[in-house]
PDB file of N, CA and C in Angstrom:
ATOM      1  N   MET A   1      13.355  40.034 -34.277  1.00  0.00           N
ATOM      2  CA  MET A   1      14.489  40.723 -34.830  1.00  0.00           C
ATOM      3  C   MET A   1      15.563  40.981 -33.730  1.00  0.00           C
ATOM      4  N   ASP A   2      16.790  40.659 -34.064  1.00  0.00           N
ATOM      5  CA  ASP A   2      17.894  40.869 -33.155  1.00  0.00           C
ATOM      6  C   ASP A   2      18.127  42.374 -32.943  1.00  0.00           C
ATOM      7  N   ILE A   3      18.480  42.838 -31.676  1.00  0.00           N
ATOM      8  CA  ILE A   3      18.623  44.191 -31.362  1.00  0.00           C
ATOM      9  C   ILE A   3      19.748  44.817 -32.229  1.00  0.00           C
ATOM     10  N   TYR A   4      20.749  44.030 -32.570  1.00  0.00           N
ATOM     11  CA  TYR A   4      21.845  44.607 -33.297  1.00  0.00           C
ATOM     12  C   TYR A   4      21.537  44.765 -34.790  1.00  0.00           C
ATOM     13  N   ASN A   5      20.389  44.175 -35.295  1.00  0.00           N
ATOM     14  CA  ASN A   5      19.956  44.358 -36.604  1.00  0.00           C
ATOM     15  C   ASN A   5      18.979  45.489 -36.683  1.00  0.00           C
ATOM     16  N   VAL A   6      18.379  45.892 -35.555  1.00  0.00           N
ATOM     17  CA  VAL A   6      17.408  46.995 -35.514  1.00  0.00           C
ATOM     18  C   VAL A   6      18.089  48.304 -35.832  1.00  0.00           C
ATOM     19  N   ILE A   7      19.217  48.582 -35.164  1.00  0.00           N
ATOM     20  CA  ILE A   7      19.936  49.823 -35.346  1.00  0.00           C
ATOM     21  C   ILE A   7      20.991  49.607 -36.401  1.00  0.00           C
ATOM     22  N   LYS A   8      20.950  50.386 -37.469  1.00  0.00           N
ATOM     23  CA  LYS A   8      21.945  50.259 -38.555  1.00  0.00           C
ATOM     24  C   LYS A   8      23.165  51.132 -38.274  1.00  0.00           C
ATOM     25  N   ARG A   9      22.836  52.452 -37.979  1.00  0.00           N
ATOM     26  CA  ARG A   9      24.002  53.373 -37.729  1.00  0.00           C
ATOM     27  C   ARG A   9      23.458  54.646 -37.171  1.00  0.00           C
ATOM     28  N   PRO A  10      24.264  55.294 -36.370  1.00  0.00           N
ATOM     29  CA  PRO A  10      23.842  56.685 -35.944  1.00  0.00           C
ATOM     30  C   PRO A  10      24.002  57.626 -37.031  1.00  0.00           C
ATOM     31  N   LEU A  11      23.142  58.667 -37.095  1.00  0.00           N
ATOM     32  CA  LEU A  11      23.230  59.687 -38.146  1.00  0.00           C
ATOM     33  C   LEU A  11      23.903  60.863 -37.472  1.00  0.00           C
ATOM     34  N   VAL A  12      25.147  61.120 -37.976  1.00  0.00           N
ATOM     35  CA  VAL A  12      25.977  62.199 -37.421  1.00  0.00           C
ATOM     36  C   VAL A  12      25.939  63.388 -38.420  1.00  0.00           C
ATOM     37  N   THR A  13      25.119  64.372 -38.030  1.00  0.00           N
ATOM     38  CA  THR A  13      24.999  65.607 -38.849  1.00  0.00           C
ATOM     39  C   THR A  13      25.113  66.823 -37.923  1.00  0.00           C
ATOM     40  N   GLU A  14      25.215  67.991 -38.498  1.00  0.00           N
ATOM     41  CA  GLU A  14      25.278  69.172 -37.723  1.00  0.00           C
ATOM     42  C   GLU A  14      24.042  69.368 -36.817  1.00  0.00           C
ATOM     43  N   LYS A  15      22.912  69.108 -37.407  1.00  0.00           N
ATOM     44  CA  LYS A  15      21.654  69.256 -36.666  1.00  0.00           C
ATOM     45  C   LYS A  15      21.598  68.213 -35.562  1.00  0.00           C
ATOM     46  N   GLY A  16      22.008  67.015 -35.859  1.00  0.00           N
ATOM     47  CA  GLY A  16      21.981  65.928 -34.876  1.00  0.00           C
ATOM     48  C   GLY A  16      22.942  66.233 -33.717  1.00  0.00           C
ATOM     49  N   THR A  17      24.118  66.690 -33.989  1.00  0.00           N
ATOM     50  CA  THR A  17      25.057  66.990 -32.841  1.00  0.00           C
ATOM     51  C   THR A  17      24.526  68.198 -32.044  1.00  0.00           C
ATOM     52  N   HIS A  18      23.878  69.126 -32.664  1.00  0.00           N
ATOM     53  CA  HIS A  18      23.254  70.243 -31.904  1.00  0.00           C
ATOM     54  C   HIS A  18      22.135  69.692 -31.021  1.00  0.00           C
ATOM     55  N   GLN A  19      21.312  68.865 -31.519  1.00  0.00           N
ATOM     56  CA  GLN A  19      20.204  68.399 -30.709  1.00  0.00           C
ATOM     57  C   GLN A  19      20.649  67.436 -29.663  1.00  0.00           C
ATOM     58  N   ALA A  20      21.806  66.807 -29.809  1.00  0.00           N
ATOM     59  CA  ALA A  20      22.255  65.929 -28.744  1.00  0.00           C
ATOM     60  C   ALA A  20      22.773  66.714 -27.580  1.00  0.00           C
ATOM     61  N   THR A  21      23.203  67.932 -27.794  1.00  0.00           N
ATOM     62  CA  THR A  21      23.745  68.759 -26.670  1.00  0.00           C
ATOM     63  C   THR A  21      22.631  69.501 -26.007  1.00  0.00           C
ATOM     64  N   GLN A  22      21.416  69.649 -26.581  1.00  0.00           N
ATOM     65  CA  GLN A  22      20.337  70.394 -25.992  1.00  0.00           C
ATOM     66  C   GLN A  22      19.618  69.516 -25.026  1.00  0.00           C
ATOM     67  N   SER A  23      19.343  70.063 -23.794  1.00  0.00           N
ATOM     68  CA  SER A  23      18.501  69.377 -22.839  1.00  0.00           C
ATOM     69  C   SER A  23      17.547  70.483 -22.236  1.00  0.00           C
ATOM     70  N   HIS A  24      16.480  70.050 -21.739  1.00  0.00           N
ATOM     71  CA  HIS A  24      15.405  70.958 -21.240  1.00  0.00           C
ATOM     72  C   HIS A  24      15.122  70.631 -19.784  1.00  0.00           C
ATOM     73  N   ASP A  25      14.962  71.699 -19.016  1.00  0.00           N
ATOM     74  CA  ASP A  25      14.593  71.539 -17.634  1.00  0.00           C
ATOM     75  C   ASP A  25      13.150  71.224 -17.509  1.00  0.00           C
ATOM     76  N   GLU A  26      12.723  70.746 -16.362  1.00  0.00           N
ATOM     77  CA  GLU A  26      11.346  70.376 -16.103  1.00  0.00           C
ATOM     78  C   GLU A  26      10.564  71.660 -15.892  1.00  0.00           C
ATOM     79  N   THR A  27       9.358  71.680 -16.503  1.00  0.00           N
ATOM     80  CA  THR A  27       8.415  72.770 -16.272  1.00  0.00           C
ATOM     81  C   THR A  27       7.176  72.144 -15.669  1.00  0.00           C
ATOM     82  N   HIS A  28       6.149  72.953 -15.316  1.00  0.00           N
ATOM     83  CA  HIS A  28       4.967  72.447 -14.763  1.00  0.00           C
ATOM     84  C   HIS A  28       4.144  71.620 -15.724  1.00  0.00           C
ATOM     85  N   SER A  29       4.362  71.743 -17.022  1.00  0.00           N
ATOM     86  CA  SER A  29       3.585  71.023 -18.010  1.00  0.00           C
ATOM     87  C   SER A  29       4.370  69.907 -18.755  1.00  0.00           C
ATOM     88  N   ARG A  30       5.639  69.840 -18.607  1.00  0.00           N
ATOM     89  CA  ARG A  30       6.416  68.809 -19.260  1.00  0.00           C
ATOM     90  C   ARG A  30       7.606  68.373 -18.389  1.00  0.00           C
ATOM     91  N   PRO A  31       8.005  67.105 -18.470  1.00  0.00           N
ATOM     92  CA  PRO A  31       9.102  66.535 -17.699  1.00  0.00           C
ATOM     93  C   PRO A  31      10.431  67.026 -18.310  1.00  0.00           C
ATOM     94  N   ALA A  32      11.516  66.951 -17.466  1.00  0.00           N
ATOM     95  CA  ALA A  32      12.839  67.257 -18.019  1.00  0.00           C
ATOM     96  C   ALA A  32      13.232  66.123 -19.037  1.00  0.00           C
ATOM     97  N   ARG A  33      14.114  66.549 -20.055  1.00  0.00           N
ATOM     98  CA  ARG A  33      14.553  65.577 -20.982  1.00  0.00           C
ATOM     99  C   ARG A  33      16.005  65.931 -21.370  1.00  0.00           C
ATOM    100  N   GLY A  34      16.666  64.867 -21.838  1.00  0.00           N
ATOM    101  CA  GLY A  34      18.042  65.014 -22.215  1.00  0.00           C
ATOM    102  C   GLY A  34      18.098  65.297 -23.691  1.00  0.00           C
ATOM    103  N   GLY A  35      19.231  64.978 -24.314  1.00  0.00           N
ATOM    104  CA  GLY A  35      19.394  65.269 -25.713  1.00  0.00           C
ATOM    105  C   GLY A  35      18.621  64.184 -26.575  1.00  0.00           C
ATOM    106  N   SER A  36      18.509  64.537 -27.878  1.00  0.00           N
ATOM    107  CA  SER A  36      17.944  63.606 -28.828  1.00  0.00           C
ATOM    108  C   SER A  36      18.970  63.182 -29.858  1.00  0.00           C
ATOM    109  N   TYR A  37      18.874  61.891 -30.255  1.00  0.00           N
ATOM    110  CA  TYR A  37      19.870  61.297 -31.114  1.00  0.00           C
ATOM    111  C   TYR A  37      19.188  60.650 -32.240  1.00  0.00           C
ATOM    112  N   ALA A  38      19.723  60.782 -33.487  1.00  0.00           N
ATOM    113  CA  ALA A  38      19.075  60.213 -34.679  1.00  0.00           C
ATOM    114  C   ALA A  38      19.853  58.976 -35.090  1.00  0.00           C
ATOM    115  N   PHE A  39      19.043  57.977 -35.557  1.00  0.00           N
ATOM    116  CA  PHE A  39      19.656  56.685 -35.986  1.00  0.00           C
ATOM    117  C   PHE A  39      18.951  56.259 -37.271  1.00  0.00           C
ATOM    118  N   GLU A  40      19.673  55.586 -38.128  1.00  0.00           N
ATOM    119  CA  GLU A  40      19.074  54.858 -39.258  1.00  0.00           C
ATOM    120  C   GLU A  40      18.726  53.485 -38.733  1.00  0.00           C
ATOM    121  N   VAL A  41      17.454  53.080 -38.881  1.00  0.00           N
ATOM    122  CA  VAL A  41      17.013  51.852 -38.340  1.00  0.00           C
ATOM    123  C   VAL A  41      16.463  50.899 -39.456  1.00  0.00           C
ATOM    124  N   HIS A  42      16.244  49.666 -39.123  1.00  0.00           N
ATOM    125  CA  HIS A  42      15.693  48.712 -40.084  1.00  0.00           C
ATOM    126  C   HIS A  42      14.199  49.146 -40.413  1.00  0.00           C
ATOM    127  N   ARG A  43      13.871  49.003 -41.686  1.00  0.00           N
ATOM    128  CA  ARG A  43      12.571  49.506 -42.118  1.00  0.00           C
ATOM    129  C   ARG A  43      11.386  48.821 -41.445  1.00  0.00           C
ATOM    130  N   ASP A  44      11.527  47.648 -40.992  1.00  0.00           N
ATOM    131  CA  ASP A  44      10.426  46.928 -40.295  1.00  0.00           C
ATOM    132  C   ASP A  44      10.443  47.090 -38.798  1.00  0.00           C
ATOM    133  N   ALA A  45      11.384  47.870 -38.232  1.00  0.00           N
ATOM    134  CA  ALA A  45      11.518  48.053 -36.757  1.00  0.00           C
ATOM    135  C   ALA A  45      10.353  48.920 -36.278  1.00  0.00           C
ATOM    136  N   THR A  46       9.823  48.523 -35.099  1.00  0.00           N
ATOM    137  CA  THR A  46       8.830  49.275 -34.446  1.00  0.00           C
ATOM    138  C   THR A  46       9.415  50.158 -33.353  1.00  0.00           C
ATOM    139  N   LYS A  47       8.604  51.098 -32.810  1.00  0.00           N
ATOM    140  CA  LYS A  47       9.076  51.973 -31.748  1.00  0.00           C
ATOM    141  C   LYS A  47       9.546  51.201 -30.571  1.00  0.00           C
ATOM    142  N   PRO A  48       8.740  50.188 -30.039  1.00  0.00           N
ATOM    143  CA  PRO A  48       9.206  49.440 -28.882  1.00  0.00           C
ATOM    144  C   PRO A  48      10.489  48.693 -29.140  1.00  0.00           C
ATOM    145  N   GLN A  49      10.687  48.096 -30.353  1.00  0.00           N
ATOM    146  CA  GLN A  49      11.925  47.449 -30.697  1.00  0.00           C
ATOM    147  C   GLN A  49      13.103  48.417 -30.689  1.00  0.00           C
ATOM    148  N   ILE A  50      12.931  49.650 -31.242  1.00  0.00           N
ATOM    149  CA  ILE A  50      13.992  50.639 -31.274  1.00  0.00           C
ATOM    150  C   ILE A  50      14.253  51.017 -29.847  1.00  0.00           C
ATOM    151  N   ARG A  51      13.304  51.264 -29.011  1.00  0.00           N
ATOM    152  CA  ARG A  51      13.581  51.645 -27.605  1.00  0.00           C
ATOM    153  C   ARG A  51      14.404  50.577 -26.905  1.00  0.00           C
ATOM    154  N   GLU A  52      13.982  49.326 -27.074  1.00  0.00           N
ATOM    155  CA  GLU A  52      14.694  48.241 -26.330  1.00  0.00           C
ATOM    156  C   GLU A  52      16.138  48.128 -26.883  1.00  0.00           C
ATOM    157  N   ALA A  53      16.322  48.242 -28.181  1.00  0.00           N
ATOM    158  CA  ALA A  53      17.673  48.141 -28.722  1.00  0.00           C
ATOM    159  C   ALA A  53      18.600  49.302 -28.200  1.00  0.00           C
ATOM    160  N   ILE A  54      18.127  50.481 -28.227  1.00  0.00           N
ATOM    161  CA  ILE A  54      18.902  51.615 -27.744  1.00  0.00           C
ATOM    162  C   ILE A  54      19.281  51.461 -26.282  1.00  0.00           C
ATOM    163  N   GLU A  55      18.266  51.059 -25.477  1.00  0.00           N
ATOM    164  CA  GLU A  55      18.503  50.912 -24.059  1.00  0.00           C
ATOM    165  C   GLU A  55      19.563  49.797 -23.725  1.00  0.00           C
ATOM    166  N   LYS A  56      19.486  48.722 -24.481  1.00  0.00           N
ATOM    167  CA  LYS A  56      20.423  47.608 -24.238  1.00  0.00           C
ATOM    168  C   LYS A  56      21.803  47.886 -24.826  1.00  0.00           C
ATOM    169  N   ILE A  57      21.915  48.475 -26.013  1.00  0.00           N
ATOM    170  CA  ILE A  57      23.196  48.686 -26.662  1.00  0.00           C
ATOM    171  C   ILE A  57      23.926  49.819 -25.920  1.00  0.00           C
ATOM    172  N   TYR A  58      23.330  50.923 -25.635  1.00  0.00           N
ATOM    173  CA  TYR A  58      23.959  52.094 -25.137  1.00  0.00           C
ATOM    174  C   TYR A  58      23.827  52.267 -23.568  1.00  0.00           C
ATOM    175  N   ASN A  59      23.046  51.373 -22.917  1.00  0.00           N
ATOM    176  CA  ASN A  59      22.796  51.369 -21.505  1.00  0.00           C
ATOM    177  C   ASN A  59      22.319  52.739 -21.011  1.00  0.00           C
ATOM    178  N   VAL A  60      21.208  53.213 -21.637  1.00  0.00           N
ATOM    179  CA  VAL A  60      20.584  54.529 -21.299  1.00  0.00           C
ATOM    180  C   VAL A  60      19.095  54.258 -21.111  1.00  0.00           C
ATOM    181  N   LYS A  61      18.404  55.314 -20.660  1.00  0.00           N
ATOM    182  CA  LYS A  61      16.976  55.248 -20.395  1.00  0.00           C
ATOM    183  C   LYS A  61      16.304  56.119 -21.472  1.00  0.00           C
ATOM    184  N   VAL A  62      15.517  55.547 -22.361  1.00  0.00           N
ATOM    185  CA  VAL A  62      14.814  56.265 -23.420  1.00  0.00           C
ATOM    186  C   VAL A  62      13.533  56.864 -22.953  1.00  0.00           C
ATOM    187  N   GLN A  63      13.282  58.136 -23.284  1.00  0.00           N
ATOM    188  CA  GLN A  63      12.026  58.809 -22.886  1.00  0.00           C
ATOM    189  C   GLN A  63      11.032  58.701 -24.026  1.00  0.00           C
ATOM    190  N   SER A  64      11.403  58.901 -25.258  1.00  0.00           N
ATOM    191  CA  SER A  64      10.423  58.759 -26.378  1.00  0.00           C
ATOM    192  C   SER A  64      11.189  58.459 -27.637  1.00  0.00           C
ATOM    193  N   VAL A  65      10.431  57.880 -28.624  1.00  0.00           N
ATOM    194  CA  VAL A  65      10.989  57.575 -29.967  1.00  0.00           C
ATOM    195  C   VAL A  65      10.059  58.182 -31.005  1.00  0.00           C
ATOM    196  N   ARG A  66      10.697  58.819 -31.976  1.00  0.00           N
ATOM    197  CA  ARG A  66       9.927  59.349 -33.139  1.00  0.00           C
ATOM    198  C   ARG A  66      10.528  58.706 -34.382  1.00  0.00           C
ATOM    199  N   THR A  67       9.655  58.217 -35.313  1.00  0.00           N
ATOM    200  CA  THR A  67      10.179  57.651 -36.534  1.00  0.00           C
ATOM    201  C   THR A  67       9.642  58.360 -37.744  1.00  0.00           C
ATOM    202  N   ALA A  68      10.402  58.156 -38.822  1.00  0.00           N
ATOM    203  CA  ALA A  68       9.995  58.783 -40.144  1.00  0.00           C
ATOM    204  C   ALA A  68      10.528  57.890 -41.201  1.00  0.00           C
ATOM    205  N   ASN A  69       9.677  57.551 -42.160  1.00  0.00           N
ATOM    206  CA  ASN A  69       9.989  56.769 -43.376  1.00  0.00           C
ATOM    207  C   ASN A  69      10.537  57.764 -44.397  1.00  0.00           C
ATOM    208  N   ARG A  70      11.795  57.551 -44.884  1.00  0.00           N
ATOM    209  CA  ARG A  70      12.359  58.511 -45.859  1.00  0.00           C
ATOM    210  C   ARG A  70      12.396  57.847 -47.192  1.00  0.00           C
ATOM    211  N   LYS A  71      11.943  58.576 -48.241  1.00  0.00           N
ATOM    212  CA  LYS A  71      11.989  58.057 -49.593  1.00  0.00           C
ATOM    213  C   LYS A  71      13.417  58.277 -50.180  1.00  0.00           C
ATOM    214  N   GLY A  72      13.814  57.361 -51.072  1.00  0.00           N
ATOM    215  CA  GLY A  72      15.065  57.448 -51.699  1.00  0.00           C
ATOM    216  C   GLY A  72      15.041  58.576 -52.757  1.00  0.00           C
ATOM    217  N   LYS A  73      16.162  59.119 -53.048  1.00  0.00           N
ATOM    218  CA  LYS A  73      16.325  60.211 -53.986  1.00  0.00           C
ATOM    219  C   LYS A  73      16.581  59.625 -55.393  1.00  0.00           C
ATOM    220  N   ALA A  74      16.105  60.356 -56.410  1.00  0.00           N
ATOM    221  CA  ALA A  74      16.427  60.020 -57.785  1.00  0.00           C
ATOM    222  C   ALA A  74      17.841  60.412 -58.158  1.00  0.00           C
ATOM    223  N   ARG A  75      18.579  59.541 -58.743  1.00  0.00           N
ATOM    224  CA  ARG A  75      19.973  59.761 -59.110  1.00  0.00           C
ATOM    225  C   ARG A  75      20.136  59.327 -60.511  1.00  0.00           C
ATOM    226  N   ARG A  76      21.001  60.072 -61.239  1.00  0.00           N
ATOM    227  CA  ARG A  76      21.323  59.748 -62.614  1.00  0.00           C
ATOM    228  C   ARG A  76      22.657  59.145 -62.771  1.00  0.00           C
ATOM    229  N   VAL A  77      22.744  58.043 -63.498  1.00  0.00           N
ATOM    230  CA  VAL A  77      23.985  57.386 -63.706  1.00  0.00           C
ATOM    231  C   VAL A  77      24.088  57.289 -65.248  1.00  0.00           C
ATOM    232  N   LYS A  78      25.004  58.084 -65.879  1.00  0.00           N
ATOM    233  CA  LYS A  78      25.106  58.223 -67.269  1.00  0.00           C
ATOM    234  C   LYS A  78      23.808  58.603 -67.928  1.00  0.00           C
ATOM    235  N   PHE A  79      23.133  57.666 -68.610  1.00  0.00           N
ATOM    236  CA  PHE A  79      21.856  58.043 -69.294  1.00  0.00           C
ATOM    237  C   PHE A  79      20.641  57.424 -68.681  1.00  0.00           C
ATOM    238  N   LYS A  80      20.842  56.757 -67.501  1.00  0.00           N
ATOM    239  CA  LYS A  80      19.746  56.128 -66.832  1.00  0.00           C
ATOM    240  C   LYS A  80      19.357  56.820 -65.527  1.00  0.00           C
ATOM    241  N   ILE A  81      18.148  56.796 -65.171  1.00  0.00           N
ATOM    242  CA  ILE A  81      17.673  57.305 -63.915  1.00  0.00           C
ATOM    243  C   ILE A  81      17.522  56.206 -62.941  1.00  0.00           C
ATOM    244  N   GLY A  82      18.108  56.301 -61.803  1.00  0.00           N
ATOM    245  CA  GLY A  82      17.944  55.306 -60.760  1.00  0.00           C
ATOM    246  C   GLY A  82      17.436  55.977 -59.478  1.00  0.00           C
ATOM    247  N   GLN A  83      17.366  55.162 -58.481  1.00  0.00           N
ATOM    248  CA  GLN A  83      16.901  55.718 -57.205  1.00  0.00           C
ATOM    249  C   GLN A  83      17.683  55.092 -56.009  1.00  0.00           C
ATOM    250  N   THR A  84      17.990  55.839 -55.018  1.00  0.00           N
ATOM    251  CA  THR A  84      18.593  55.306 -53.823  1.00  0.00           C
ATOM    252  C   THR A  84      17.507  54.585 -53.023  1.00  0.00           C
ATOM    253  N   ALA A  85      18.010  53.774 -52.063  1.00  0.00           N
ATOM    254  CA  ALA A  85      17.033  52.933 -51.329  1.00  0.00           C
ATOM    255  C   ALA A  85      16.263  53.842 -50.287  1.00  0.00           C
ATOM    256  N   ASP A  86      14.956  53.423 -50.076  1.00  0.00           N
ATOM    257  CA  ASP A  86      14.172  54.024 -49.045  1.00  0.00           C
ATOM    258  C   ASP A  86      14.727  53.579 -47.710  1.00  0.00           C
ATOM    259  N   TRP A  87      14.622  54.421 -46.634  1.00  0.00           N
ATOM    260  CA  TRP A  87      15.122  54.105 -45.338  1.00  0.00           C
ATOM    261  C   TRP A  87      14.297  54.690 -44.209  1.00  0.00           C
ATOM    262  N   LYS A  88      14.472  54.240 -43.001  1.00  0.00           N
ATOM    263  CA  LYS A  88      13.712  54.703 -41.880  1.00  0.00           C
ATOM    264  C   LYS A  88      14.645  55.389 -40.882  1.00  0.00           C
ATOM    265  N   LYS A  89      14.138  56.517 -40.399  1.00  0.00           N
ATOM    266  CA  LYS A  89      14.970  57.277 -39.404  1.00  0.00           C
ATOM    267  C   LYS A  89      14.274  57.287 -38.105  1.00  0.00           C
ATOM    268  N   ALA A  90      15.024  57.165 -37.011  1.00  0.00           N
ATOM    269  CA  ALA A  90      14.427  57.210 -35.698  1.00  0.00           C
ATOM    270  C   ALA A  90      15.133  58.297 -34.863  1.00  0.00           C
ATOM    271  N   VAL A  91      14.393  59.147 -34.208  1.00  0.00           N
ATOM    272  CA  VAL A  91      14.880  60.157 -33.326  1.00  0.00           C
ATOM    273  C   VAL A  91      14.571  59.693 -31.955  1.00  0.00           C
ATOM    274  N   VAL A  92      15.569  59.463 -31.094  1.00  0.00           N
ATOM    275  CA  VAL A  92      15.441  58.920 -29.734  1.00  0.00           C
ATOM    276  C   VAL A  92      15.712  60.066 -28.732  1.00  0.00           C
ATOM    277  N   VAL A  93      14.771  60.341 -27.875  1.00  0.00           N
ATOM    278  CA  VAL A  93      14.956  61.332 -26.824  1.00  0.00           C
ATOM    279  C   VAL A  93      15.291  60.577 -25.477  1.00  0.00           C
ATOM    280  N   LEU A  94      16.283  61.024 -24.805  1.00  0.00           N
ATOM    281  CA  LEU A  94      16.718  60.353 -23.574  1.00  0.00           C
ATOM    282  C   LEU A  94      16.266  61.050 -22.362  1.00  0.00           C
ATOM    283  N   HIS A  95      16.248  60.394 -21.228  1.00  0.00           N
ATOM    284  CA  HIS A  95      15.922  61.125 -19.937  1.00  0.00           C
ATOM    285  C   HIS A  95      17.077  62.009 -19.623  1.00  0.00           C
ATOM    286  N   SER A  96      16.801  63.005 -18.769  1.00  0.00           N
ATOM    287  CA  SER A  96      17.771  64.061 -18.558  1.00  0.00           C
ATOM    288  C   SER A  96      19.047  63.693 -17.953  1.00  0.00           C
ATOM    289  N   GLU A  97      19.128  62.577 -17.205  1.00  0.00           N
ATOM    290  CA  GLU A  97      20.427  62.157 -16.630  1.00  0.00           C
ATOM    291  C   GLU A  97      21.253  61.249 -17.524  1.00  0.00           C
ATOM    292  N   HIS A  98      20.785  60.902 -18.721  1.00  0.00           N
ATOM    293  CA  HIS A  98      21.507  60.017 -19.624  1.00  0.00           C
ATOM    294  C   HIS A  98      22.021  60.756 -20.879  1.00  0.00           C
ATOM    295  N   HIS A  99      23.076  60.240 -21.475  1.00  0.00           N
ATOM    296  CA  HIS A  99      23.534  60.732 -22.737  1.00  0.00           C
ATOM    297  C   HIS A  99      24.355  59.631 -23.402  1.00  0.00           C
ATOM    298  N   ILE A 100      24.561  59.762 -24.724  1.00  0.00           N
ATOM    299  CA  ILE A 100      25.304  58.820 -25.534  1.00  0.00           C
ATOM    300  C   ILE A 100      26.512  59.453 -26.080  1.00  0.00           C
ATOM    301  N   ASP A 101      27.735  58.861 -25.862  1.00  0.00           N
ATOM    302  CA  ASP A 101      28.915  59.389 -26.427  1.00  0.00           C
ATOM    303  C   ASP A 101      29.150  58.740 -27.823  1.00  0.00           C
ATOM    304  N   LEU A 102      28.868  59.490 -28.891  1.00  0.00           N
ATOM    305  CA  LEU A 102      28.980  58.914 -30.211  1.00  0.00           C
ATOM    306  C   LEU A 102      30.370  59.212 -30.776  1.00  0.00           C
ATOM    307  N   PHE A 103      31.099  60.143 -30.293  1.00  0.00           N
ATOM    308  CA  PHE A 103      32.373  60.533 -30.830  1.00  0.00           C
ATOM    309  C   PHE A 103      33.457  60.209 -29.872  1.00  0.00           C
TER     310      PHE A 103
END
């Protein structure tokens, strides 16, 4: 899979912008980390593919990747019930010296 097909779009929300500005110092039990950024990714993408795509597209160093499969919501159109598409969300945590300028 091409790296530009792995990442569909960044998820820009209030929670996401808050998490992007949060970074944590190093303690004796955990390493320092930078902000975390959320992306909508291809449903078949794996964590190593997401890591590689983010590192190459944004030129940053990824510390960890968390993924979640999201179910589509039920929506009503006139008299019929439909459903939005299922999608996959990835939260990428960067090393402390890196950040992504999304805005």
